N, C-alpha and C. Protein backbone atom coordinates (compact mmCIF):
# COMPACT_ATOMS: atom_id res chain seq x y z
N MET A 1 20.27 2.83 0.36
CA MET A 1 19.10 3.49 -0.17
C MET A 1 17.85 2.72 0.27
N ILE A 2 16.79 3.45 0.53
CA ILE A 2 15.52 2.86 0.93
C ILE A 2 14.93 2.08 -0.25
N LYS A 3 14.43 0.89 0.03
CA LYS A 3 13.68 0.10 -0.95
C LYS A 3 12.21 0.38 -0.68
N SER A 4 11.57 1.07 -1.61
CA SER A 4 10.19 1.49 -1.36
C SER A 4 9.17 0.59 -2.05
N PHE A 5 7.99 0.54 -1.44
CA PHE A 5 6.87 -0.26 -1.93
C PHE A 5 5.62 0.61 -1.93
N LEU A 6 4.98 0.66 -3.09
CA LEU A 6 3.76 1.41 -3.27
C LEU A 6 2.58 0.56 -2.80
N MET A 7 1.73 1.12 -1.95
CA MET A 7 0.58 0.40 -1.40
C MET A 7 -0.68 0.88 -2.09
N LEU A 8 -1.33 -0.02 -2.84
CA LEU A 8 -2.52 0.33 -3.62
C LEU A 8 -3.67 -0.63 -3.31
N GLY A 9 -4.87 -0.21 -3.63
CA GLY A 9 -6.04 -1.06 -3.46
C GLY A 9 -7.07 -0.41 -2.59
N GLN A 10 -7.86 -1.23 -1.92
CA GLN A 10 -8.94 -0.69 -1.11
C GLN A 10 -8.71 -0.98 0.37
N SER A 11 -9.77 -1.11 1.14
CA SER A 11 -9.66 -1.08 2.60
C SER A 11 -8.74 -2.15 3.19
N ASN A 12 -8.70 -3.35 2.60
CA ASN A 12 -7.82 -4.37 3.15
C ASN A 12 -6.35 -3.95 3.06
N MET A 13 -5.99 -3.22 2.02
CA MET A 13 -4.62 -2.69 1.93
C MET A 13 -4.46 -1.48 2.84
N ALA A 14 -5.47 -0.64 2.87
CA ALA A 14 -5.38 0.55 3.73
C ALA A 14 -5.26 0.15 5.19
N GLY A 15 -5.92 -0.94 5.55
CA GLY A 15 -5.83 -1.44 6.92
C GLY A 15 -7.07 -1.10 7.73
N ARG A 16 -7.76 -2.15 8.16
CA ARG A 16 -8.95 -1.97 8.99
C ARG A 16 -8.89 -2.83 10.25
N GLY A 17 -7.78 -3.55 10.45
CA GLY A 17 -7.64 -4.38 11.64
C GLY A 17 -7.49 -3.52 12.88
N PHE A 18 -7.93 -4.05 14.00
CA PHE A 18 -7.85 -3.32 15.27
C PHE A 18 -6.42 -3.30 15.78
N ILE A 19 -5.89 -2.13 15.98
CA ILE A 19 -4.50 -1.95 16.38
C ILE A 19 -4.18 -2.67 17.69
N HIS A 20 -5.10 -2.66 18.63
CA HIS A 20 -4.84 -3.26 19.95
C HIS A 20 -4.86 -4.80 19.92
N GLU A 21 -5.24 -5.40 18.78
CA GLU A 21 -5.34 -6.86 18.72
C GLU A 21 -4.07 -7.55 18.20
N VAL A 22 -3.09 -6.80 17.79
CA VAL A 22 -1.84 -7.40 17.30
C VAL A 22 -0.65 -6.72 17.98
N PRO A 23 0.44 -7.45 18.13
CA PRO A 23 1.62 -6.82 18.73
C PRO A 23 2.16 -5.73 17.81
N PRO A 24 2.55 -4.59 18.37
CA PRO A 24 3.08 -3.51 17.53
C PRO A 24 4.44 -3.89 16.92
N ILE A 25 4.70 -3.35 15.76
CA ILE A 25 5.99 -3.55 15.09
C ILE A 25 6.80 -2.26 15.27
N TYR A 26 7.92 -2.39 15.95
CA TYR A 26 8.84 -1.26 16.10
C TYR A 26 10.13 -1.65 15.40
N ASN A 27 10.43 -0.98 14.31
CA ASN A 27 11.62 -1.29 13.54
C ASN A 27 12.07 -0.02 12.83
N GLU A 28 13.20 0.50 13.21
CA GLU A 28 13.70 1.75 12.64
C GLU A 28 14.04 1.62 11.16
N ARG A 29 14.15 0.38 10.66
CA ARG A 29 14.44 0.17 9.24
C ARG A 29 13.17 0.14 8.39
N ILE A 30 12.00 0.32 9.01
CA ILE A 30 10.75 0.40 8.26
C ILE A 30 10.25 1.84 8.35
N GLN A 31 10.23 2.48 7.21
CA GLN A 31 9.80 3.87 7.11
C GLN A 31 8.47 3.94 6.36
N MET A 32 7.78 5.04 6.51
CA MET A 32 6.57 5.29 5.73
C MET A 32 6.63 6.74 5.26
N LEU A 33 6.07 6.97 4.09
CA LEU A 33 6.03 8.32 3.55
C LEU A 33 4.81 9.02 4.13
N ARG A 34 5.06 10.06 4.89
CA ARG A 34 3.97 10.81 5.51
C ARG A 34 4.34 12.28 5.50
N ASN A 35 3.43 13.10 5.00
CA ASN A 35 3.63 14.55 4.96
C ASN A 35 4.92 14.93 4.23
N GLY A 36 5.21 14.22 3.15
CA GLY A 36 6.34 14.58 2.31
C GLY A 36 7.71 14.17 2.82
N ARG A 37 7.75 13.28 3.82
CA ARG A 37 9.07 12.82 4.29
C ARG A 37 8.96 11.40 4.83
N TRP A 38 10.11 10.73 4.88
CA TRP A 38 10.16 9.39 5.44
C TRP A 38 10.17 9.49 6.96
N GLN A 39 9.29 8.70 7.58
CA GLN A 39 9.20 8.65 9.03
C GLN A 39 9.19 7.20 9.47
N MET A 40 9.59 6.94 10.70
CA MET A 40 9.51 5.58 11.21
C MET A 40 8.06 5.12 11.17
N MET A 41 7.84 3.89 10.72
CA MET A 41 6.50 3.35 10.56
C MET A 41 5.76 3.27 11.89
N THR A 42 4.54 3.75 11.86
CA THR A 42 3.59 3.56 12.95
C THR A 42 2.24 3.22 12.32
N GLU A 43 1.44 2.49 13.03
CA GLU A 43 0.10 2.15 12.54
C GLU A 43 -0.89 3.21 13.01
N PRO A 44 -1.86 3.57 12.22
CA PRO A 44 -2.09 3.08 10.87
C PRO A 44 -1.13 3.74 9.87
N ILE A 45 -0.64 2.95 8.94
CA ILE A 45 0.27 3.43 7.92
C ILE A 45 -0.50 4.24 6.88
N ASN A 46 -1.62 3.71 6.46
CA ASN A 46 -2.43 4.31 5.39
C ASN A 46 -3.69 4.89 6.01
N TYR A 47 -3.62 6.15 6.38
CA TYR A 47 -4.75 6.78 7.07
C TYR A 47 -5.71 7.39 6.04
N ASP A 48 -6.62 6.55 5.52
CA ASP A 48 -7.60 7.04 4.54
C ASP A 48 -8.95 7.30 5.17
N ARG A 49 -9.20 6.80 6.36
CA ARG A 49 -10.48 6.96 7.06
C ARG A 49 -10.21 6.99 8.56
N PRO A 50 -11.14 7.54 9.33
CA PRO A 50 -10.99 7.50 10.79
C PRO A 50 -10.96 6.08 11.35
N VAL A 51 -11.47 5.08 10.60
CA VAL A 51 -11.45 3.69 11.06
C VAL A 51 -10.18 2.95 10.63
N SER A 52 -9.20 3.67 10.10
CA SER A 52 -7.96 3.02 9.65
C SER A 52 -7.29 2.28 10.79
N GLY A 53 -6.66 1.18 10.44
CA GLY A 53 -6.00 0.36 11.45
C GLY A 53 -4.88 -0.45 10.84
N ILE A 54 -4.73 -1.67 11.33
CA ILE A 54 -3.67 -2.57 10.90
C ILE A 54 -3.99 -3.14 9.52
N GLY A 55 -2.97 -3.19 8.67
CA GLY A 55 -3.09 -3.82 7.37
C GLY A 55 -1.94 -4.79 7.17
N LEU A 56 -1.75 -5.21 5.95
CA LEU A 56 -0.70 -6.19 5.67
C LEU A 56 0.68 -5.58 5.46
N ALA A 57 0.78 -4.31 5.20
CA ALA A 57 2.06 -3.70 4.83
C ALA A 57 3.11 -3.76 5.94
N GLY A 58 2.71 -3.51 7.16
CA GLY A 58 3.67 -3.53 8.26
C GLY A 58 4.29 -4.89 8.47
N SER A 59 3.47 -5.94 8.46
CA SER A 59 4.01 -7.29 8.65
C SER A 59 4.83 -7.73 7.44
N PHE A 60 4.44 -7.28 6.24
CA PHE A 60 5.25 -7.54 5.05
C PHE A 60 6.63 -6.92 5.21
N ALA A 61 6.68 -5.65 5.59
CA ALA A 61 7.96 -4.95 5.74
C ALA A 61 8.81 -5.57 6.83
N ASP A 62 8.19 -5.99 7.93
CA ASP A 62 8.91 -6.62 9.02
C ASP A 62 9.53 -7.94 8.56
N ALA A 63 8.76 -8.75 7.83
CA ALA A 63 9.28 -10.02 7.31
C ALA A 63 10.42 -9.76 6.32
N TRP A 64 10.28 -8.76 5.47
CA TRP A 64 11.34 -8.41 4.51
C TRP A 64 12.62 -8.05 5.26
N CYS A 65 12.49 -7.23 6.29
CA CYS A 65 13.67 -6.80 7.05
C CYS A 65 14.35 -7.97 7.76
N ARG A 66 13.58 -8.95 8.22
CA ARG A 66 14.19 -10.12 8.88
C ARG A 66 15.01 -10.93 7.87
N GLN A 67 14.56 -10.99 6.62
CA GLN A 67 15.29 -11.76 5.60
C GLN A 67 16.37 -10.95 4.90
N ASN A 68 16.31 -9.64 4.99
CA ASN A 68 17.28 -8.76 4.31
C ASN A 68 17.82 -7.77 5.34
N GLN A 69 18.78 -8.23 6.12
CA GLN A 69 19.26 -7.50 7.29
C GLN A 69 19.84 -6.11 6.99
N GLU A 70 20.25 -5.86 5.75
CA GLU A 70 20.85 -4.57 5.40
C GLU A 70 19.84 -3.56 4.86
N ASP A 71 18.64 -4.01 4.52
CA ASP A 71 17.67 -3.15 3.84
C ASP A 71 16.89 -2.26 4.80
N THR A 72 16.58 -1.07 4.30
CA THR A 72 15.60 -0.19 4.92
C THR A 72 14.43 -0.14 3.96
N ILE A 73 13.23 -0.34 4.48
CA ILE A 73 12.02 -0.41 3.68
C ILE A 73 11.24 0.89 3.82
N GLY A 74 10.69 1.36 2.71
CA GLY A 74 9.83 2.53 2.71
C GLY A 74 8.46 2.18 2.17
N LEU A 75 7.43 2.44 2.93
CA LEU A 75 6.06 2.17 2.51
C LEU A 75 5.41 3.47 2.02
N ILE A 76 4.82 3.41 0.83
CA ILE A 76 4.18 4.57 0.22
C ILE A 76 2.67 4.34 0.23
N PRO A 77 1.95 4.84 1.23
CA PRO A 77 0.53 4.55 1.35
C PRO A 77 -0.32 5.35 0.36
N CYS A 78 -1.06 4.63 -0.49
CA CYS A 78 -1.97 5.26 -1.46
C CYS A 78 -3.29 4.53 -1.58
N ALA A 79 -3.56 3.56 -0.71
CA ALA A 79 -4.79 2.78 -0.79
C ALA A 79 -5.99 3.65 -0.43
N GLU A 80 -7.14 3.27 -0.96
CA GLU A 80 -8.38 4.02 -0.70
C GLU A 80 -9.51 3.03 -0.47
N GLY A 81 -10.01 2.99 0.76
CA GLY A 81 -11.08 2.08 1.11
C GLY A 81 -12.30 2.25 0.22
N GLY A 82 -12.88 1.12 -0.19
CA GLY A 82 -14.07 1.13 -1.01
C GLY A 82 -13.86 1.44 -2.48
N SER A 83 -12.63 1.64 -2.89
CA SER A 83 -12.36 1.99 -4.29
C SER A 83 -12.55 0.78 -5.20
N THR A 84 -12.92 1.05 -6.43
CA THR A 84 -13.11 0.00 -7.42
C THR A 84 -11.93 -0.01 -8.38
N LEU A 85 -11.81 -1.08 -9.14
CA LEU A 85 -10.75 -1.13 -10.16
C LEU A 85 -10.90 0.00 -11.16
N ASP A 86 -12.14 0.36 -11.50
CA ASP A 86 -12.35 1.48 -12.42
C ASP A 86 -11.75 2.76 -11.88
N GLU A 87 -11.81 2.95 -10.57
CA GLU A 87 -11.24 4.16 -9.97
C GLU A 87 -9.71 4.16 -9.99
N TRP A 88 -9.10 3.00 -10.26
CA TRP A 88 -7.65 2.88 -10.35
C TRP A 88 -7.17 2.91 -11.81
N ALA A 89 -8.06 3.25 -12.73
CA ALA A 89 -7.67 3.33 -14.14
C ALA A 89 -6.61 4.43 -14.31
N VAL A 90 -5.80 4.29 -15.33
CA VAL A 90 -4.67 5.19 -15.57
C VAL A 90 -5.09 6.66 -15.63
N ASP A 91 -6.26 6.95 -16.12
CA ASP A 91 -6.70 8.33 -16.26
C ASP A 91 -7.50 8.85 -15.06
N GLN A 92 -7.55 8.08 -13.99
CA GLN A 92 -8.33 8.46 -12.82
C GLN A 92 -7.44 9.01 -11.70
N ALA A 93 -8.07 9.72 -10.77
CA ALA A 93 -7.36 10.43 -9.71
C ALA A 93 -6.52 9.52 -8.81
N LEU A 94 -7.03 8.34 -8.43
CA LEU A 94 -6.28 7.48 -7.52
C LEU A 94 -4.97 7.02 -8.14
N PHE A 95 -5.01 6.64 -9.41
CA PHE A 95 -3.80 6.20 -10.10
C PHE A 95 -2.82 7.37 -10.24
N ARG A 96 -3.33 8.51 -10.66
CA ARG A 96 -2.46 9.69 -10.84
C ARG A 96 -1.80 10.09 -9.52
N HIS A 97 -2.57 10.03 -8.43
CA HIS A 97 -2.01 10.36 -7.12
C HIS A 97 -0.91 9.37 -6.74
N ALA A 98 -1.14 8.09 -6.97
CA ALA A 98 -0.14 7.06 -6.64
C ALA A 98 1.14 7.29 -7.43
N ILE A 99 1.02 7.64 -8.71
CA ILE A 99 2.21 7.90 -9.53
C ILE A 99 2.97 9.11 -9.00
N THR A 100 2.24 10.14 -8.62
CA THR A 100 2.89 11.33 -8.06
C THR A 100 3.65 10.99 -6.78
N GLU A 101 3.02 10.22 -5.89
CA GLU A 101 3.68 9.83 -4.65
C GLU A 101 4.90 8.94 -4.92
N ALA A 102 4.77 8.02 -5.85
CA ALA A 102 5.89 7.13 -6.19
C ALA A 102 7.07 7.93 -6.74
N LYS A 103 6.80 8.86 -7.64
CA LYS A 103 7.87 9.68 -8.21
C LYS A 103 8.55 10.51 -7.14
N PHE A 104 7.76 11.05 -6.22
CA PHE A 104 8.33 11.81 -5.11
C PHE A 104 9.23 10.92 -4.26
N ALA A 105 8.74 9.74 -3.92
CA ALA A 105 9.52 8.81 -3.09
C ALA A 105 10.80 8.37 -3.79
N MET A 106 10.75 8.26 -5.11
CA MET A 106 11.91 7.79 -5.87
C MET A 106 13.04 8.82 -5.92
N GLN A 107 12.82 10.01 -5.41
CA GLN A 107 13.91 10.98 -5.32
C GLN A 107 14.99 10.51 -4.36
N ASN A 108 14.60 9.69 -3.37
CA ASN A 108 15.60 9.17 -2.43
C ASN A 108 15.29 7.73 -2.00
N SER A 109 14.66 6.98 -2.91
CA SER A 109 14.42 5.57 -2.67
C SER A 109 14.37 4.84 -4.00
N GLU A 110 14.47 3.53 -3.93
CA GLU A 110 14.34 2.69 -5.12
C GLU A 110 12.99 1.99 -5.06
N LEU A 111 12.11 2.27 -6.02
CA LEU A 111 10.82 1.61 -6.06
C LEU A 111 11.05 0.14 -6.36
N THR A 112 10.82 -0.71 -5.37
CA THR A 112 11.15 -2.13 -5.44
C THR A 112 9.94 -2.99 -5.75
N GLY A 113 8.74 -2.53 -5.39
CA GLY A 113 7.56 -3.33 -5.64
C GLY A 113 6.28 -2.58 -5.37
N ILE A 114 5.19 -3.26 -5.71
CA ILE A 114 3.85 -2.72 -5.49
C ILE A 114 3.05 -3.76 -4.71
N LEU A 115 2.44 -3.34 -3.63
CA LEU A 115 1.53 -4.18 -2.86
C LEU A 115 0.12 -3.73 -3.20
N TRP A 116 -0.68 -4.64 -3.78
CA TRP A 116 -2.04 -4.28 -4.18
C TRP A 116 -2.99 -5.33 -3.63
N HIS A 117 -3.97 -4.86 -2.88
CA HIS A 117 -5.01 -5.75 -2.36
C HIS A 117 -6.35 -5.15 -2.73
N GLN A 118 -7.05 -5.82 -3.59
CA GLN A 118 -8.36 -5.37 -4.08
C GLN A 118 -9.37 -6.43 -3.70
N GLY A 119 -10.61 -6.06 -3.51
CA GLY A 119 -11.55 -7.07 -3.08
C GLY A 119 -13.00 -6.77 -3.37
N GLU A 120 -13.73 -6.54 -2.32
CA GLU A 120 -15.19 -6.61 -2.35
C GLU A 120 -15.88 -5.63 -3.28
N SER A 121 -15.34 -4.46 -3.52
CA SER A 121 -16.04 -3.49 -4.35
C SER A 121 -16.30 -4.01 -5.76
N ASP A 122 -15.44 -4.88 -6.24
CA ASP A 122 -15.62 -5.43 -7.58
C ASP A 122 -16.18 -6.85 -7.57
N SER A 123 -16.35 -7.45 -6.41
CA SER A 123 -16.76 -8.85 -6.36
C SER A 123 -18.23 -9.06 -6.72
N ILE A 124 -19.07 -8.07 -6.51
CA ILE A 124 -20.48 -8.24 -6.83
C ILE A 124 -20.85 -7.69 -8.20
N ASN A 125 -19.91 -7.02 -8.81
CA ASN A 125 -20.14 -6.41 -10.12
C ASN A 125 -20.05 -7.47 -11.21
N VAL A 126 -20.97 -7.43 -12.15
CA VAL A 126 -20.95 -8.39 -13.25
C VAL A 126 -19.68 -8.25 -14.09
N ASN A 127 -19.04 -7.11 -14.00
CA ASN A 127 -17.81 -6.87 -14.76
C ASN A 127 -16.58 -7.46 -14.08
N ALA A 128 -16.71 -8.00 -12.87
CA ALA A 128 -15.55 -8.50 -12.14
C ALA A 128 -14.79 -9.55 -12.93
N LYS A 129 -15.48 -10.52 -13.52
CA LYS A 129 -14.80 -11.57 -14.29
C LYS A 129 -14.10 -10.96 -15.50
N ILE A 130 -14.73 -10.01 -16.17
CA ILE A 130 -14.11 -9.35 -17.32
C ILE A 130 -12.82 -8.66 -16.89
N LYS A 131 -12.84 -7.98 -15.74
CA LYS A 131 -11.67 -7.27 -15.25
C LYS A 131 -10.55 -8.25 -14.89
N VAL A 132 -10.91 -9.35 -14.24
CA VAL A 132 -9.91 -10.36 -13.88
C VAL A 132 -9.27 -10.91 -15.16
N ASP A 133 -10.09 -11.22 -16.15
CA ASP A 133 -9.56 -11.71 -17.42
C ASP A 133 -8.65 -10.69 -18.07
N HIS A 134 -9.02 -9.40 -17.98
CA HIS A 134 -8.20 -8.34 -18.57
C HIS A 134 -6.84 -8.27 -17.89
N PHE A 135 -6.83 -8.27 -16.55
CA PHE A 135 -5.56 -8.17 -15.83
C PHE A 135 -4.71 -9.44 -16.04
N SER A 136 -5.35 -10.58 -16.17
CA SER A 136 -4.61 -11.82 -16.44
C SER A 136 -3.94 -11.76 -17.80
N ALA A 137 -4.60 -11.15 -18.76
CA ALA A 137 -4.06 -11.06 -20.12
C ALA A 137 -2.84 -10.13 -20.17
N ILE A 138 -2.74 -9.21 -19.25
CA ILE A 138 -1.62 -8.26 -19.22
C ILE A 138 -0.30 -8.98 -18.93
N ARG A 139 -0.35 -10.02 -18.10
CA ARG A 139 0.86 -10.73 -17.72
C ARG A 139 1.48 -11.28 -18.94
């Protein structure tokens, strides 16, 4: 069974690195959810903007596969460049969309983890420290 990982956050998770600047990853055991089906991973994995490119998910999946020779990895792209933590609240569209995609993927995969990379949109906001404290308290 595919071990799937939900990809959440903003542009660093979505991927903005230049595709031609890194060696491509070709691995049939790394799949991505695209157009309602699992497909062999190609970059950009998370196409949220025309500037989409390389992110951390592909190299994460490649490293996982090297350490877990029997596993097939499924990446569920749901990141949105420029999004704030407020936009990822439980009652907001980005969170609801991610849950819908995860439930769909779980029909034929095991949700194994969540990759979340959040950054600059909340770094200049005075509420950033409050949000960090809130998420720390959840643990």
